[in-house]
Amino acid sequence: MDQTIYKILPRQIWDEAKAAGRFDGAGVDLKDGYIHFSTSAQVRETAKLHFGGQQDLVLVAVDPAPLGDALKYERSRGGALFPHLYGSLPIEAVLWEQDLPIGPDGHHLFPGAMR
């Protein structure tokens, strides 16, 4: 089972996080007090509901193991368990990043391995 978790965010915010060596959260994360992530089964719906039509996004894949007890799976949309990180994301926990362009059908195009 793929335990990788994912974060979608604007390229500029991600570039700033990489320069700082950690990601402290985007606006909604800072407001809610934790960093929102999605599982592989949830990330497409997250893109559709929260990032529809937005360009210049990046998809960041994260290894949850180094996050330890700061990562909690909590009930959210429709009762599903979503990963929430209570603390900063260290850049070292990132497995990969990839642009998340919009395709001809208006939906974001996910990396080949996730299609």
N, C-alpha and C. Protein backbone atom coordinates (compact mmCIF):
# COMPACT_ATOMS: atom_id res chain seq x y z
N MET A 1 0.84 -1.19 0.00
CA MET A 1 0.00 0.00 0.00
C MET A 1 0.88 1.24 0.00
N ASP A 2 0.52 2.23 -0.85
CA ASP A 2 1.29 3.46 -0.95
C ASP A 2 0.95 4.37 0.22
N GLN A 3 1.92 4.65 1.07
CA GLN A 3 1.72 5.51 2.23
C GLN A 3 2.10 6.96 1.94
N THR A 4 2.63 7.22 0.75
CA THR A 4 3.03 8.57 0.38
C THR A 4 1.85 9.52 0.55
N ILE A 5 2.12 10.73 1.07
CA ILE A 5 1.09 11.76 1.16
C ILE A 5 1.48 12.91 0.23
N TYR A 6 0.49 13.73 -0.12
CA TYR A 6 0.69 14.74 -1.15
C TYR A 6 0.19 16.11 -0.71
N LYS A 7 0.89 17.12 -1.19
CA LYS A 7 0.51 18.51 -0.96
C LYS A 7 0.49 19.21 -2.30
N ILE A 8 -0.58 19.95 -2.56
CA ILE A 8 -0.69 20.79 -3.75
C ILE A 8 -0.55 22.23 -3.29
N LEU A 9 0.31 22.99 -3.97
CA LEU A 9 0.46 24.38 -3.59
C LEU A 9 1.03 25.20 -4.73
N PRO A 10 0.86 26.52 -4.66
CA PRO A 10 1.42 27.37 -5.70
C PRO A 10 2.94 27.27 -5.76
N ARG A 11 3.47 27.30 -6.96
CA ARG A 11 4.92 27.18 -7.19
C ARG A 11 5.71 28.20 -6.36
N GLN A 12 5.27 29.44 -6.29
CA GLN A 12 6.01 30.47 -5.56
C GLN A 12 6.14 30.11 -4.07
N ILE A 13 5.07 29.63 -3.47
CA ILE A 13 5.12 29.26 -2.05
C ILE A 13 6.08 28.09 -1.85
N TRP A 14 6.05 27.12 -2.78
CA TRP A 14 6.93 25.97 -2.68
C TRP A 14 8.40 26.38 -2.84
N ASP A 15 8.66 27.26 -3.78
CA ASP A 15 10.04 27.73 -3.98
C ASP A 15 10.57 28.44 -2.73
N GLU A 16 9.71 29.22 -2.08
CA GLU A 16 10.10 29.90 -0.84
C GLU A 16 10.38 28.89 0.27
N ALA A 17 9.57 27.84 0.34
CA ALA A 17 9.76 26.80 1.36
C ALA A 17 11.09 26.08 1.14
N LYS A 18 11.39 25.75 -0.11
CA LYS A 18 12.66 25.06 -0.39
C LYS A 18 13.84 25.94 0.00
N ALA A 19 13.75 27.22 -0.26
CA ALA A 19 14.84 28.14 0.10
C ALA A 19 15.01 28.21 1.61
N ALA A 20 13.91 28.09 2.34
CA ALA A 20 13.94 28.15 3.81
C ALA A 20 14.32 26.81 4.43
N GLY A 21 14.22 25.71 3.65
CA GLY A 21 14.52 24.38 4.17
C GLY A 21 13.37 23.72 4.88
N ARG A 22 12.19 24.37 4.85
CA ARG A 22 11.00 23.79 5.49
C ARG A 22 9.76 24.50 4.95
N PHE A 23 8.63 23.82 5.03
CA PHE A 23 7.35 24.40 4.63
C PHE A 23 6.51 24.54 5.88
N ASP A 24 6.13 25.77 6.19
CA ASP A 24 5.34 26.05 7.39
C ASP A 24 3.84 26.08 7.12
N GLY A 25 3.47 26.03 5.85
CA GLY A 25 2.06 26.02 5.50
C GLY A 25 1.67 27.17 4.59
N ALA A 26 0.61 26.93 3.82
CA ALA A 26 0.01 27.97 2.99
C ALA A 26 -1.09 28.64 3.83
N GLY A 27 -1.79 29.59 3.24
CA GLY A 27 -2.80 30.34 3.98
C GLY A 27 -3.79 29.50 4.76
N VAL A 28 -4.41 28.52 4.11
CA VAL A 28 -5.42 27.68 4.78
C VAL A 28 -4.78 26.86 5.90
N ASP A 29 -3.54 26.42 5.70
CA ASP A 29 -2.84 25.64 6.72
C ASP A 29 -2.59 26.50 7.97
N LEU A 30 -2.10 27.69 7.73
CA LEU A 30 -1.80 28.59 8.85
C LEU A 30 -3.08 28.94 9.60
N LYS A 31 -4.17 29.14 8.88
CA LYS A 31 -5.46 29.45 9.50
C LYS A 31 -5.96 28.28 10.35
N ASP A 32 -5.82 27.05 9.82
CA ASP A 32 -6.35 25.88 10.52
C ASP A 32 -5.42 25.33 11.60
N GLY A 33 -4.13 25.72 11.57
CA GLY A 33 -3.21 25.26 12.60
C GLY A 33 -2.50 23.96 12.29
N TYR A 34 -2.61 23.49 11.06
CA TYR A 34 -1.90 22.29 10.62
C TYR A 34 -1.79 22.33 9.10
N ILE A 35 -0.87 21.53 8.57
CA ILE A 35 -0.69 21.46 7.13
C ILE A 35 -1.57 20.34 6.58
N HIS A 36 -2.42 20.70 5.63
CA HIS A 36 -3.32 19.75 4.98
C HIS A 36 -2.56 18.93 3.95
N PHE A 37 -2.73 17.62 3.99
CA PHE A 37 -2.20 16.72 2.97
C PHE A 37 -3.34 15.85 2.47
N SER A 38 -3.07 15.11 1.41
CA SER A 38 -4.02 14.14 0.86
C SER A 38 -3.28 12.84 0.62
N THR A 39 -4.02 11.74 0.66
CA THR A 39 -3.47 10.45 0.25
C THR A 39 -3.57 10.37 -1.27
N SER A 40 -2.98 9.33 -1.85
CA SER A 40 -3.06 9.16 -3.30
C SER A 40 -4.51 9.00 -3.76
N ALA A 41 -5.36 8.42 -2.93
CA ALA A 41 -6.76 8.24 -3.28
C ALA A 41 -7.56 9.54 -3.18
N GLN A 42 -7.04 10.52 -2.47
CA GLN A 42 -7.77 11.77 -2.22
C GLN A 42 -7.28 12.96 -3.03
N VAL A 43 -6.06 12.90 -3.56
CA VAL A 43 -5.41 14.09 -4.10
C VAL A 43 -6.11 14.66 -5.34
N ARG A 44 -6.68 13.83 -6.17
CA ARG A 44 -7.38 14.36 -7.36
C ARG A 44 -8.62 15.16 -6.95
N GLU A 45 -9.36 14.65 -5.99
CA GLU A 45 -10.54 15.36 -5.51
C GLU A 45 -10.13 16.67 -4.84
N THR A 46 -9.03 16.65 -4.10
CA THR A 46 -8.51 17.87 -3.48
C THR A 46 -8.19 18.91 -4.56
N ALA A 47 -7.54 18.48 -5.63
CA ALA A 47 -7.20 19.39 -6.72
C ALA A 47 -8.47 19.99 -7.32
N LYS A 48 -9.46 19.15 -7.55
CA LYS A 48 -10.71 19.60 -8.16
C LYS A 48 -11.46 20.57 -7.26
N LEU A 49 -11.58 20.25 -5.97
CA LEU A 49 -12.38 21.06 -5.06
C LEU A 49 -11.70 22.35 -4.62
N HIS A 50 -10.39 22.30 -4.43
CA HIS A 50 -9.70 23.44 -3.82
C HIS A 50 -8.76 24.20 -4.77
N PHE A 51 -8.46 23.61 -5.92
CA PHE A 51 -7.49 24.24 -6.83
C PHE A 51 -7.99 24.29 -8.27
N GLY A 52 -9.28 24.07 -8.48
CA GLY A 52 -9.84 24.05 -9.82
C GLY A 52 -9.48 25.30 -10.62
N GLY A 53 -8.93 25.08 -11.81
CA GLY A 53 -8.59 26.18 -12.70
C GLY A 53 -7.32 26.93 -12.36
N GLN A 54 -6.69 26.62 -11.23
CA GLN A 54 -5.47 27.33 -10.84
C GLN A 54 -4.27 26.80 -11.60
N GLN A 55 -3.46 27.72 -12.08
CA GLN A 55 -2.24 27.39 -12.81
C GLN A 55 -1.04 27.56 -11.89
N ASP A 56 0.12 27.16 -12.38
CA ASP A 56 1.40 27.31 -11.69
C ASP A 56 1.40 26.64 -10.31
N LEU A 57 0.84 25.42 -10.29
CA LEU A 57 0.82 24.63 -9.05
C LEU A 57 1.90 23.55 -9.12
N VAL A 58 2.27 23.07 -7.94
CA VAL A 58 3.21 21.96 -7.84
C VAL A 58 2.60 20.89 -6.94
N LEU A 59 2.85 19.65 -7.30
CA LEU A 59 2.44 18.50 -6.49
C LEU A 59 3.68 18.00 -5.79
N VAL A 60 3.62 17.94 -4.46
CA VAL A 60 4.76 17.51 -3.66
C VAL A 60 4.41 16.18 -3.00
N ALA A 61 5.26 15.17 -3.21
CA ALA A 61 5.09 13.85 -2.61
C ALA A 61 5.97 13.77 -1.37
N VAL A 62 5.40 13.31 -0.27
CA VAL A 62 6.09 13.32 1.02
C VAL A 62 6.08 11.93 1.65
N ASP A 63 7.22 11.54 2.19
CA ASP A 63 7.34 10.31 2.97
C ASP A 63 6.84 10.62 4.37
N PRO A 64 5.78 9.97 4.84
CA PRO A 64 5.24 10.29 6.15
C PRO A 64 6.10 9.80 7.32
N ALA A 65 6.97 8.82 7.09
CA ALA A 65 7.73 8.22 8.19
C ALA A 65 8.52 9.23 9.02
N PRO A 66 9.29 10.15 8.41
CA PRO A 66 10.06 11.06 9.23
C PRO A 66 9.23 12.11 9.98
N LEU A 67 7.95 12.17 9.70
CA LEU A 67 7.10 13.18 10.35
C LEU A 67 6.66 12.76 11.74
N GLY A 68 6.76 11.46 12.01
CA GLY A 68 6.47 10.94 13.35
C GLY A 68 5.07 11.27 13.85
N ASP A 69 4.99 11.54 15.14
CA ASP A 69 3.70 11.77 15.81
C ASP A 69 3.07 13.11 15.44
N ALA A 70 3.80 13.98 14.75
CA ALA A 70 3.23 15.27 14.33
C ALA A 70 2.21 15.08 13.21
N LEU A 71 2.24 13.90 12.55
CA LEU A 71 1.29 13.60 11.48
C LEU A 71 0.14 12.80 12.07
N LYS A 72 -1.07 13.35 11.89
CA LYS A 72 -2.26 12.69 12.41
C LYS A 72 -3.27 12.53 11.29
N TYR A 73 -3.94 11.39 11.25
CA TYR A 73 -5.01 11.17 10.29
C TYR A 73 -6.32 11.48 10.98
N GLU A 74 -7.01 12.50 10.45
CA GLU A 74 -8.23 12.99 11.11
C GLU A 74 -9.39 13.01 10.13
N ARG A 75 -10.59 12.82 10.67
CA ARG A 75 -11.79 12.80 9.85
C ARG A 75 -12.05 14.19 9.27
N SER A 76 -12.40 14.18 8.00
CA SER A 76 -12.67 15.43 7.30
C SER A 76 -13.80 15.18 6.32
N ARG A 77 -13.63 15.64 5.10
CA ARG A 77 -14.61 15.56 4.03
C ARG A 77 -15.29 14.19 3.98
N GLY A 78 -16.57 14.15 4.21
CA GLY A 78 -17.32 12.91 4.09
C GLY A 78 -16.90 11.83 5.07
N GLY A 79 -16.22 12.19 6.15
CA GLY A 79 -15.78 11.23 7.15
C GLY A 79 -14.47 10.54 6.82
N ALA A 80 -13.87 10.87 5.68
CA ALA A 80 -12.59 10.25 5.30
C ALA A 80 -11.47 10.74 6.21
N LEU A 81 -10.48 9.90 6.40
CA LEU A 81 -9.30 10.27 7.20
C LEU A 81 -8.29 10.97 6.30
N PHE A 82 -7.98 12.21 6.64
CA PHE A 82 -6.99 12.99 5.89
C PHE A 82 -5.76 13.20 6.75
N PRO A 83 -4.56 13.18 6.14
CA PRO A 83 -3.33 13.43 6.90
C PRO A 83 -3.15 14.93 7.17
N HIS A 84 -2.91 15.26 8.43
CA HIS A 84 -2.67 16.62 8.87
C HIS A 84 -1.36 16.66 9.64
N LEU A 85 -0.51 17.58 9.29
CA LEU A 85 0.80 17.71 9.96
C LEU A 85 0.77 18.90 10.91
N TYR A 86 0.97 18.62 12.18
CA TYR A 86 1.02 19.64 13.22
C TYR A 86 2.47 20.03 13.44
N GLY A 87 2.97 20.90 12.58
CA GLY A 87 4.35 21.34 12.61
C GLY A 87 4.80 21.62 11.20
N SER A 88 6.05 21.97 11.05
CA SER A 88 6.61 22.27 9.74
C SER A 88 6.99 21.00 9.00
N LEU A 89 6.92 21.07 7.69
CA LEU A 89 7.37 19.97 6.84
C LEU A 89 8.84 20.18 6.50
N PRO A 90 9.73 19.29 6.97
CA PRO A 90 11.13 19.43 6.58
C PRO A 90 11.30 19.01 5.11
N ILE A 91 12.05 19.77 4.38
CA ILE A 91 12.24 19.49 2.95
C ILE A 91 12.84 18.10 2.75
N GLU A 92 13.59 17.61 3.72
CA GLU A 92 14.21 16.28 3.62
C GLU A 92 13.18 15.17 3.52
N ALA A 93 11.93 15.42 3.95
CA ALA A 93 10.88 14.39 3.89
C ALA A 93 10.24 14.31 2.50
N VAL A 94 10.58 15.24 1.62
CA VAL A 94 9.99 15.27 0.29
C VAL A 94 10.65 14.23 -0.61
N LEU A 95 9.84 13.41 -1.23
CA LEU A 95 10.31 12.36 -2.14
C LEU A 95 10.53 12.92 -3.54
N TRP A 96 9.60 13.73 -4.00
CA TRP A 96 9.69 14.36 -5.31
C TRP A 96 8.68 15.49 -5.40
N GLU A 97 8.87 16.31 -6.42
CA GLU A 97 7.93 17.38 -6.73
C GLU A 97 7.75 17.41 -8.24
N GLN A 98 6.56 17.84 -8.67
CA GLN A 98 6.30 17.93 -10.10
C GLN A 98 5.25 19.00 -10.35
N ASP A 99 5.41 19.71 -11.46
CA ASP A 99 4.40 20.68 -11.85
C ASP A 99 3.06 19.98 -12.03
N LEU A 100 1.98 20.72 -11.78
CA LEU A 100 0.63 20.17 -11.89
C LEU A 100 -0.15 21.04 -12.88
N PRO A 101 0.12 20.84 -14.18
CA PRO A 101 -0.52 21.68 -15.20
C PRO A 101 -1.99 21.31 -15.40
N ILE A 102 -2.68 22.19 -16.08
CA ILE A 102 -4.08 21.94 -16.43
C ILE A 102 -4.12 21.38 -17.85
N GLY A 103 -4.86 20.29 -18.00
CA GLY A 103 -4.98 19.64 -19.31
C GLY A 103 -6.08 20.28 -20.16
N PRO A 104 -6.23 19.79 -21.37
CA PRO A 104 -7.23 20.33 -22.29
C PRO A 104 -8.66 20.22 -21.77
N ASP A 105 -8.91 19.25 -20.88
CA ASP A 105 -10.26 19.07 -20.33
C ASP A 105 -10.52 19.96 -19.13
N GLY A 106 -9.52 20.79 -18.76
CA GLY A 106 -9.70 21.71 -17.64
C GLY A 106 -9.32 21.13 -16.29
N HIS A 107 -8.94 19.84 -16.26
CA HIS A 107 -8.52 19.21 -15.01
C HIS A 107 -6.99 19.16 -14.95
N HIS A 108 -6.47 19.10 -13.74
CA HIS A 108 -5.02 19.02 -13.58
C HIS A 108 -4.50 17.67 -14.06
N LEU A 109 -3.31 17.71 -14.65
CA LEU A 109 -2.67 16.49 -15.15
C LEU A 109 -1.69 15.97 -14.11
N PHE A 110 -1.98 14.80 -13.58
CA PHE A 110 -1.13 14.21 -12.56
C PHE A 110 -0.01 13.39 -13.22
N PRO A 111 1.09 13.19 -12.50
CA PRO A 111 2.21 12.42 -13.04
C PRO A 111 1.76 11.04 -13.52
N GLY A 112 2.46 10.52 -14.52
CA GLY A 112 2.12 9.25 -15.13
C GLY A 112 1.88 8.11 -14.16
N ALA A 113 2.71 8.00 -13.12
CA ALA A 113 2.57 6.90 -12.16
C ALA A 113 1.30 7.01 -11.35
N MET A 114 0.67 8.19 -11.32
CA MET A 114 -0.53 8.39 -10.51
C MET A 114 -1.81 8.30 -11.36
N ARG A 115 -1.67 8.14 -12.65
CA ARG A 115 -2.87 8.13 -13.52
C ARG A 115 -3.58 6.82 -13.46
